[in-house]
C-alpha atoms as a PDB file:
ATOM      1  CA  MET A   1      -9.644   5.083  29.535  1.00  0.00           C
ATOM      2  CA  ILE A   2      -6.210   4.896  30.052  1.00  0.00           C
ATOM      3  CA  THR A   3      -4.805   7.223  31.769  1.00  0.00           C
ATOM      4  CA  ASP A   4      -1.442   8.767  31.614  1.00  0.00           C
ATOM      5  CA  LEU A   5       0.529   5.998  29.343  1.00  0.00           C
ATOM      6  CA  THR A   6       4.421   6.682  28.904  1.00  0.00           C
ATOM      7  CA  ALA A   7       6.355   6.202  26.636  1.00  0.00           C
ATOM      8  CA  GLN A   8      10.113   3.770  27.744  1.00  0.00           C
ATOM      9  CA  PRO A   9      10.807   2.387  24.756  1.00  0.00           C
ATOM     10  CA  ILE A  10      13.668  -0.218  25.381  1.00  0.00           C
ATOM     11  CA  ARG A  11      17.197  -0.610  23.617  1.00  0.00           C
ATOM     12  CA  PHE A  12      18.847  -3.302  23.569  1.00  0.00           C
ATOM     13  CA  THR A  13      22.703  -3.442  23.422  1.00  0.00           C
ATOM     14  CA  ALA A  14      25.880  -4.819  23.583  1.00  0.00           C
ATOM     15  CA  ASP A  15      27.435  -1.772  25.476  1.00  0.00           C
ATOM     16  CA  ILE A  16      25.509  -0.729  28.384  1.00  0.00           C
ATOM     17  CA  PRO A  17      28.117   1.713  29.662  1.00  0.00           C
ATOM     18  CA  GLY A  18      28.268   3.500  26.640  1.00  0.00           C
ATOM     19  CA  TRP A  19      24.646   3.871  26.579  1.00  0.00           C
ATOM     20  CA  GLN A  20      25.088   5.532  30.043  1.00  0.00           C
ATOM     21  CA  ARG A  21      27.438   7.909  28.373  1.00  0.00           C
ATOM     22  CA  LEU A  22      25.445   8.776  25.549  1.00  0.00           C
ATOM     23  CA  LEU A  23      21.795   9.800  28.202  1.00  0.00           C
ATOM     24  CA  GLU A  24      23.959  11.125  30.653  1.00  0.00           C
ATOM     25  CA  ALA A  25      25.848  12.949  28.045  1.00  0.00           C
ATOM     26  CA  VAL A  26      22.306  14.800  27.119  1.00  0.00           C
ATOM     27  CA  GLY A  27      20.379  15.181  31.177  1.00  0.00           C
ATOM     28  CA  ALA A  28      19.609  11.859  31.978  1.00  0.00           C
ATOM     29  CA  ARG A  29      18.721  10.966  35.291  1.00  0.00           C
ATOM     30  CA  LEU A  30      18.899   6.323  36.853  1.00  0.00           C
ATOM     31  CA  VAL A  31      15.889   6.007  37.643  1.00  0.00           C
ATOM     32  CA  LEU A  32      16.327   1.991  38.521  1.00  0.00           C
ATOM     33  CA  GLU A  33      18.777   0.165  38.174  1.00  0.00           C
ATOM     34  CA  ARG A  34      18.948  -4.579  37.830  1.00  0.00           C
ATOM     35  CA  PRO A  35      22.123  -6.097  36.820  1.00  0.00           C
ATOM     36  CA  GLY A  36      21.279  -5.495  32.533  1.00  0.00           C
ATOM     37  CA  TRP A  37      17.749  -3.548  33.015  1.00  0.00           C
ATOM     38  CA  LEU A  38      18.754   0.087  33.473  1.00  0.00           C
ATOM     39  CA  VAL A  39      16.015   2.753  33.260  1.00  0.00           C
ATOM     40  CA  TYR A  40      16.230   6.214  32.401  1.00  0.00           C
ATOM     41  CA  ALA A  41      14.051   9.356  32.867  1.00  0.00           C
ATOM     42  CA  VAL A  42      14.793  12.053  30.405  1.00  0.00           C
ATOM     43  CA  GLY A  43      12.993  15.442  30.314  1.00  0.00           C
ATOM     44  CA  SER A  44       9.608  13.207  28.533  1.00  0.00           C
ATOM     45  CA  GLY A  45       9.751   9.846  29.275  1.00  0.00           C
ATOM     46  CA  ARG A  46      11.858   6.905  30.127  1.00  0.00           C
ATOM     47  CA  VAL A  47      14.186   5.203  28.040  1.00  0.00           C
ATOM     48  CA  ALA A  48      15.270   1.025  30.026  1.00  0.00           C
ATOM     49  CA  LEU A  49      18.341  -0.861  28.467  1.00  0.00           C
ATOM     50  CA  HIS A  50      18.199  -3.646  27.864  1.00  0.00           C
ATOM     51  CA  GLN A  51      21.573  -5.859  27.657  1.00  0.00           C
ATOM     52  CA  SER A  52      21.193  -7.562  24.108  1.00  0.00           C
ATOM     53  CA  SER A  53      22.229 -10.799  23.835  1.00  0.00           C
ATOM     54  CA  ASP A  54      21.683 -14.368  20.778  1.00  0.00           C
ATOM     55  CA  ALA A  55      18.598 -13.951  21.199  1.00  0.00           C
ATOM     56  CA  GLN A  56      17.821 -10.752  21.417  1.00  0.00           C
ATOM     57  CA  PRO A  57      20.101  -8.140  19.883  1.00  0.00           C
ATOM     58  CA  PRO A  58      21.055  -4.856  19.644  1.00  0.00           C
ATOM     59  CA  GLY A  59      18.226  -2.693  18.257  1.00  0.00           C
ATOM     60  CA  THR A  60      14.487  -0.704  19.039  1.00  0.00           C
ATOM     61  CA  THR A  61      11.222  -2.078  20.745  1.00  0.00           C
ATOM     62  CA  LEU A  62       8.707  -0.841  21.901  1.00  0.00           C
ATOM     63  CA  ALA A  63       7.685  -0.268  24.807  1.00  0.00           C
ATOM     64  CA  PHE A  64       4.855   2.166  27.592  1.00  0.00           C
ATOM     65  CA  SER A  65       3.287   2.241  30.266  1.00  0.00           C
ATOM     66  CA  THR A  66       0.513   3.262  32.764  1.00  0.00           C
ATOM     67  CA  THR A  67      -0.945   3.751  35.821  1.00  0.00           C
ATOM     68  CA  THR A  68      -4.331   2.482  34.637  1.00  0.00           C
ATOM     69  CA  PRO A  69      -3.993  -1.445  36.461  1.00  0.00           C
ATOM     70  CA  VAL A  70      -3.325  -3.215  33.476  1.00  0.00           C
ATOM     71  CA  PRO A  71      -6.008  -5.439  33.586  1.00  0.00           C
ATOM     72  CA  ARG A  72      -8.661  -2.437  32.655  1.00  0.00           C
ATOM     73  CA  ALA A  73      -5.586  -0.452  30.344  1.00  0.00           C
ATOM     74  CA  VAL A  74      -6.069  -3.733  28.634  1.00  0.00           C
ATOM     75  CA  GLU A  75      -9.811  -3.598  28.427  1.00  0.00           C
ATOM     76  CA  ALA A  76      -9.959  -0.483  27.576  1.00  0.00           C
ATOM     77  CA  ALA A  77      -7.561  -0.840  24.392  1.00  0.00           C
ATOM     78  CA  ALA A  78      -8.926  -3.389  23.526  1.00  0.00           C
ATOM     79  CA  ALA A  79     -13.042  -1.804  23.362  1.00  0.00           C
ATOM     80  CA  ALA A  80     -10.507   0.755  21.039  1.00  0.00           C
ATOM     81  CA  GLY A  81      -9.197  -1.659  18.468  1.00  0.00           C
ATOM     82  CA  VAL A  82      -5.787  -1.539  19.713  1.00  0.00           C
ATOM     83  CA  PRO A  83      -5.386  -5.584  19.497  1.00  0.00           C
ATOM     84  CA  ILE A  84      -4.000  -6.721  22.640  1.00  0.00           C
ATOM     85  CA  THR A  85      -4.114  -9.292  25.363  1.00  0.00           C
ATOM     86  CA  LEU A  86      -3.483  -9.580  28.739  1.00  0.00           C
ATOM     87  CA  GLY A  87      -0.135 -11.503  29.573  1.00  0.00           C
ATOM     88  CA  ARG A  88       2.333 -12.651  32.685  1.00  0.00           C
ATOM     89  CA  PRO A  89       5.974 -11.954  30.555  1.00  0.00           C
ATOM     90  CA  ASP A  90       9.182 -12.409  32.787  1.00  0.00           C
ATOM     91  CA  HIS A  91       8.900  -9.558  34.127  1.00  0.00           C
ATOM     92  CA  GLY A  92       5.321  -9.971  35.142  1.00  0.00           C
ATOM     93  CA  GLU A  93       1.412  -9.045  34.362  1.00  0.00           C
ATOM     94  CA  ALA A  94       1.283  -6.474  30.699  1.00  0.00           C
ATOM     95  CA  GLY A  95      -0.737  -6.144  28.091  1.00  0.00           C
ATOM     96  CA  MET A  96       0.949  -7.800  25.248  1.00  0.00           C
ATOM     97  CA  VAL A  97       0.830  -6.088  22.205  1.00  0.00           C
ATOM     98  CA  SER A  98       0.371  -7.996  18.478  1.00  0.00           C
ATOM     99  CA  ALA A  99       0.228  -5.856  15.780  1.00  0.00           C
ATOM    100  CA  PRO A 100      -0.842  -6.547  12.185  1.00  0.00           C
ATOM    101  CA  ASP A 101       2.832  -5.664  10.262  1.00  0.00           C
ATOM    102  CA  GLY A 102       4.844  -8.680  13.143  1.00  0.00           C
ATOM    103  CA  THR A 103       5.509  -5.415  15.302  1.00  0.00           C
ATOM    104  CA  ALA A 104       4.748  -7.419  19.504  1.00  0.00           C
ATOM    105  CA  PHE A 105       5.437  -4.358  22.541  1.00  0.00           C
ATOM    106  CA  THR A 106       4.181  -4.203  25.965  1.00  0.00           C
ATOM    107  CA  LEU A 107       2.703  -1.965  28.691  1.00  0.00           C
ATOM    108  CA  ASP A 108       3.155  -2.465  31.484  1.00  0.00           C
ATOM    109  CA  SER A 109       2.902  -0.253  35.323  1.00  0.00           C
ATOM    110  CA  PRO A 110       5.599   1.906  35.368  1.00  0.00           C
ATOM    111  CA  THR A 111       9.078   1.658  36.193  1.00  0.00           C
ATOM    112  CA  PRO A 112       9.617   3.059  40.172  1.00  0.00           C
ATOM    113  CA  VAL A 113      11.746   4.695  40.934  1.00  0.00           C
ATOM    114  CA  GLU A 114      14.836   3.667  43.003  1.00  0.00           C
ATOM    115  CA  GLN A 115      17.533   5.871  42.284  1.00  0.00           C
ATOM    116  CA  ASP A 116      17.112  10.069  44.133  1.00  0.00           C
ATOM    117  CA  GLY A 117      19.100  12.664  42.229  1.00  0.00           C
ATOM    118  CA  PRO A 118      18.089  15.943  40.799  1.00  0.00           C
ATOM    119  CA  PRO A 119      15.539  16.746  38.160  1.00  0.00           C
ATOM    120  CA  ALA A 120      16.966  14.718  34.272  1.00  0.00           C
ATOM    121  CA  ASP A 121      16.836  18.037  31.622  1.00  0.00           C
ATOM    122  CA  ALA A 122      13.545  19.475  30.612  1.00  0.00           C
ATOM    123  CA  ARG A 123      14.869  19.739  26.768  1.00  0.00           C
ATOM    124  CA  LEU A 124      15.451  16.179  25.892  1.00  0.00           C
ATOM    125  CA  LEU A 125      12.735  13.860  25.108  1.00  0.00           C
ATOM    126  CA  VAL A 126      12.387  10.995  23.968  1.00  0.00           C
ATOM    127  CA  LEU A 127      10.634   9.253  20.433  1.00  0.00           C
ATOM    128  CA  PRO A 128      10.574   6.734  19.404  1.00  0.00           C
ATOM    129  CA  ILE A 129       9.498   5.960  15.536  1.00  0.00           C
ATOM    130  CA  TRP A 130       7.016   3.239  14.273  1.00  0.00           C
ATOM    131  CA  TYR A 131       7.683   2.489  10.739  1.00  0.00           C
ATOM    132  CA  GLY A 132       5.353   0.749   8.559  1.00  0.00           C
ATOM    133  CA  PRO A 133       3.792   0.734   5.167  1.00  0.00           C
ATOM    134  CA  ASP A 134       0.682   1.345   6.762  1.00  0.00           C
ATOM    135  CA  THR A 135       0.773   4.270   9.145  1.00  0.00           C
ATOM    136  CA  GLY A 136      -2.894   4.647   9.792  1.00  0.00           C
ATOM    137  CA  MET A 137      -2.898   0.830  11.104  1.00  0.00           C
ATOM    138  CA  ILE A 138      -0.056   2.299  13.065  1.00  0.00           C
ATOM    139  CA  ARG A 139      -1.306   5.398  14.218  1.00  0.00           C
ATOM    140  CA  GLY A 140      -5.029   3.885  15.404  1.00  0.00           C
ATOM    141  CA  VAL A 141      -3.648   1.351  17.844  1.00  0.00           C
ATOM    142  CA  LEU A 142      -0.924   4.302  19.059  1.00  0.00           C
ATOM    143  CA  GLU A 143      -4.460   6.260  19.896  1.00  0.00           C
ATOM    144  CA  GLY A 144      -5.988   3.306  21.685  1.00  0.00           C
ATOM    145  CA  LEU A 145      -3.203   3.282  23.602  1.00  0.00           C
ATOM    146  CA  GLY A 146      -4.155   6.671  24.874  1.00  0.00           C
ATOM    147  CA  ALA A 147      -1.194   9.013  22.391  1.00  0.00           C
ATOM    148  CA  ARG A 148      -2.876  11.935  20.425  1.00  0.00           C
ATOM    149  CA  PRO A 149      -1.111  13.216  17.621  1.00  0.00           C
ATOM    150  CA  ARG A 150       1.132  16.485  17.545  1.00  0.00           C
ATOM    151  CA  LEU A 151       2.477  16.522  13.480  1.00  0.00           C
ATOM    152  CA  VAL A 152       0.986  15.510  11.224  1.00  0.00           C
ATOM    153  CA  ALA A 153       2.386  15.556   7.490  1.00  0.00           C
ATOM    154  CA  ASP A 154       0.290  16.245   4.831  1.00  0.00           C
ATOM    155  CA  ASP A 155       1.459  13.649   2.835  1.00  0.00           C
ATOM    156  CA  GLY A 156       0.793  11.648   5.845  1.00  0.00           C
ATOM    157  CA  THR A 157       4.209   9.574   5.627  1.00  0.00           C
ATOM    158  CA  TRP A 158       4.488  10.967   9.667  1.00  0.00           C
ATOM    159  CA  THR A 159       3.201  11.577  12.770  1.00  0.00           C
ATOM    160  CA  ASP A 160       3.913  12.564  16.032  1.00  0.00           C
ATOM    161  CA  LEU A 161       1.782  11.635  18.923  1.00  0.00           C
ATOM    162  CA  THR A 162       2.623  12.751  22.420  1.00  0.00           C
ATOM    163  CA  CYS A 163       1.841  10.415  26.109  1.00  0.00           C
ATOM    164  CA  GLU A 164       0.253  12.279  29.138  1.00  0.00           C
ATOM    165  CA  GLY A 165       2.588  10.308  31.290  1.00  0.00           C
ATOM    166  CA  GLY A 166       5.089  11.410  28.961  1.00  0.00           C
ATOM    167  CA  GLY A 167       7.110  11.178  25.269  1.00  0.00           C
ATOM    168  CA  LEU A 168       5.924  10.919  22.171  1.00  0.00           C
ATOM    169  CA  VAL A 169       6.182   8.432  19.576  1.00  0.00           C
ATOM    170  CA  ALA A 170       5.892   9.175  15.812  1.00  0.00           C
ATOM    171  CA  ALA A 171       4.772   7.010  12.955  1.00  0.00           C
ATOM    172  CA  HIS A 172       6.777   7.016   9.939  1.00  0.00           C
ATOM    173  CA  ARG A 173       5.542   5.583   6.719  1.00  0.00           C
ATOM    174  CA  ALA A 174       8.298   3.222   5.196  1.00  0.00           C
ATOM    175  CA  ASP A 175       8.584  -0.384   3.065  1.00  0.00           C
ATOM    176  CA  ASP A 176       8.445  -2.488   6.415  1.00  0.00           C
ATOM    177  CA  ALA A 177       8.250  -2.153   9.659  1.00  0.00           C
ATOM    178  CA  ALA A 178      11.365  -1.617  11.779  1.00  0.00           C
ATOM    179  CA  LEU A 179      11.313   0.509  15.230  1.00  0.00           C
ATOM    180  CA  GLU A 180      14.068   3.450  16.457  1.00  0.00           C
ATOM    181  CA  LEU A 181      15.079   5.473  19.047  1.00  0.00           C
ATOM    182  CA  ALA A 182      15.409   8.407  18.883  1.00  0.00           C
ATOM    183  CA  PHE A 183      14.689  11.856  20.930  1.00  0.00           C
ATOM    184  CA  GLU A 184      13.681  14.972  19.922  1.00  0.00           C
ATOM    185  CA  TRP A 185      15.455  18.198  21.296  1.00  0.00           C
ATOM    186  CA  ASP A 186      13.480  21.363  23.202  1.00  0.00           C
ATOM    187  CA  GLY A 187      15.383  24.003  22.148  1.00  0.00           C
ATOM    188  CA  ASP A 188      18.710  24.863  19.917  1.00  0.00           C
ATOM    189  CA  VAL A 189      19.498  21.578  19.544  1.00  0.00           C
ATOM    190  CA  GLU A 190      23.774  22.909  19.180  1.00  0.00           C
ATOM    191  CA  GLU A 191      22.473  22.622  22.665  1.00  0.00           C
ATOM    192  CA  ALA A 192      22.954  18.838  22.697  1.00  0.00           C
ATOM    193  CA  LEU A 193      26.124  18.486  20.117  1.00  0.00           C
ATOM    194  CA  ALA A 194      27.415  20.883  23.225  1.00  0.00           C
ATOM    195  CA  LEU A 195      26.453  17.953  25.530  1.00  0.00           C
ATOM    196  CA  LEU A 196      28.013  15.241  24.056  1.00  0.00           C
ATOM    197  CA  THR A 197      30.297  16.405  22.519  1.00  0.00           C
ATOM    198  CA  GLU A 198      31.796  17.988  25.434  1.00  0.00           C
ATOM    199  CA  ALA A 199      31.437  14.575  26.621  1.00  0.00           C
ATOM    200  CA  GLY A 200      33.818  12.982  24.176  1.00  0.00           C
ATOM    201  CA  ILE A 201      30.310  11.886  22.532  1.00  0.00           C
ATOM    202  CA  GLU A 202      30.976  11.573  18.182  1.00  0.00           C
ATOM    203  CA  ALA A 203      28.408  13.429  17.346  1.00  0.00           C
ATOM    204  CA  THR A 204      26.964  15.927  13.888  1.00  0.00           C
ATOM    205  CA  LEU A 205      25.212  18.815  13.536  1.00  0.00           C
ATOM    206  CA  ILE A 206      22.421  18.024  10.224  1.00  0.00           C
ATOM    207  CA  ASP A 207      20.641  20.676   9.085  1.00  0.00           C
ATOM    208  CA  GLU A 208      17.575  19.039   6.677  1.00  0.00           C
ATOM    209  CA  THR A 209      15.519  20.962   5.174  1.00  0.00           C
ATOM    210  CA  TYR A 210      11.837  21.051   8.344  1.00  0.00           C
ATOM    211  CA  SER A 211      14.837  21.463  11.336  1.00  0.00           C
ATOM    212  CA  ARG A 212      18.006  21.107  12.451  1.00  0.00           C
ATOM    213  CA  THR A 213      19.492  16.976  14.058  1.00  0.00           C
ATOM    214  CA  VAL A 214      22.333  16.059  15.860  1.00  0.00           C
ATOM    215  CA  GLN A 215      23.737  12.326  15.240  1.00  0.00           C
ATOM    216  CA  VAL A 216      25.035  10.723  17.106  1.00  0.00           C
ATOM    217  CA  ALA A 217      27.475   7.616  16.778  1.00  0.00           C
ATOM    218  CA  ASP A 218      25.455   4.658  18.116  1.00  0.00           C
ATOM    219  CA  PRO A 219      27.180   2.554  20.880  1.00  0.00           C
ATOM    220  CA  ASP A 220      26.754  -0.492  19.671  1.00  0.00           C
ATOM    221  CA  GLY A 221      27.690   0.903  15.190  1.00  0.00           C
ATOM    222  CA  ILE A 222      24.430   0.662  14.284  1.00  0.00           C
ATOM    223  CA  LYS A 223      22.608   4.079  11.626  1.00  0.00           C
ATOM    224  CA  GLU A 224      22.989   7.010  14.115  1.00  0.00           C
ATOM    225  CA  ILE A 225      21.190   7.694  16.656  1.00  0.00           C
ATOM    226  CA  TRP A 226      19.223  11.678  15.634  1.00  0.00           C
ATOM    227  CA  VAL A 227      17.937  14.023  17.797  1.00  0.00           C
ATOM    228  CA  ASN A 228      15.558  16.594  16.374  1.00  0.00           C
ATOM    229  CA  GLU A 229      15.487  19.756  16.807  1.00  0.00           C
ATOM    230  CA  ARG A 230      12.276  20.899  18.023  1.00  0.00           C
ATOM    231  CA  GLN A 231       9.920  21.706  14.424  1.00  0.00           C
ATOM    232  CA  THR A 232       8.527  24.872  13.616  1.00  0.00           C
ATOM    233  CA  ASP A 233       8.444  25.287   9.947  1.00  0.00           C
ATOM    234  CA  HIS A 234       5.187  23.340   9.845  1.00  0.00           C
ATOM    235  CA  TYR A 235       4.998  23.275   5.750  1.00  0.00           C
ATOM    236  CA  GLY A 236       4.132  20.588   4.886  1.00  0.00           C
ATOM    237  CA  TYR A 237       2.538  19.201   8.385  1.00  0.00           C
ATOM    238  CA  LYS A 238      -0.704  20.360  10.293  1.00  0.00           C
ATOM    239  CA  ARG A 239       0.049  20.473  14.326  1.00  0.00           C
ATOM    240  CA  LEU A 240      -3.200  19.278  16.194  1.00  0.00           C
END
């Protein structure tokens, strides 16, 4: 059994200070800092910032942590059908997931908290989105790691899942495999808009058919970062 699974996506960026301003504006708290590597706690889940390079340009990768010892977690995930092996990347022992669509990520031990400070704003939840043509495969991998479905679209195009230790993760049907860093706001998303605007960060409120979203200018100039208001209109969806 994999315990306390926590979503901790990694954002590779050429503008770490810009990402720090964005995260801190919405109440994220720095818990660990190394040269070119920072980890923030949000209300639920964590976000890591990593200096980008020619080999790893700006963009998002998935990552998770668990309090289960990594070798045991790898055994449990493999038994659940997850394509995972025990490896030793440059940061130490980790579970190495290689999904059929080419998506690769790690399952690690929890990041230690080395920075004191006030708690993160509880309204902000991390929500990495895994896009691909086979949402059933994506969901199977995530559930095999211990994530549990929360909201499922009737047409199968979207499933979001909760992680016991914190954070959300979503499977979204698309033609090609891709990853995106997004967030959910548990409350009136205009509160997030006000915090971002007060910090001088460009953001826009969008009224979607299913909920409202704040789109935030990406410090790296990529696609806007989405902060989704928690969905209350469940027409076309099933909450599990």
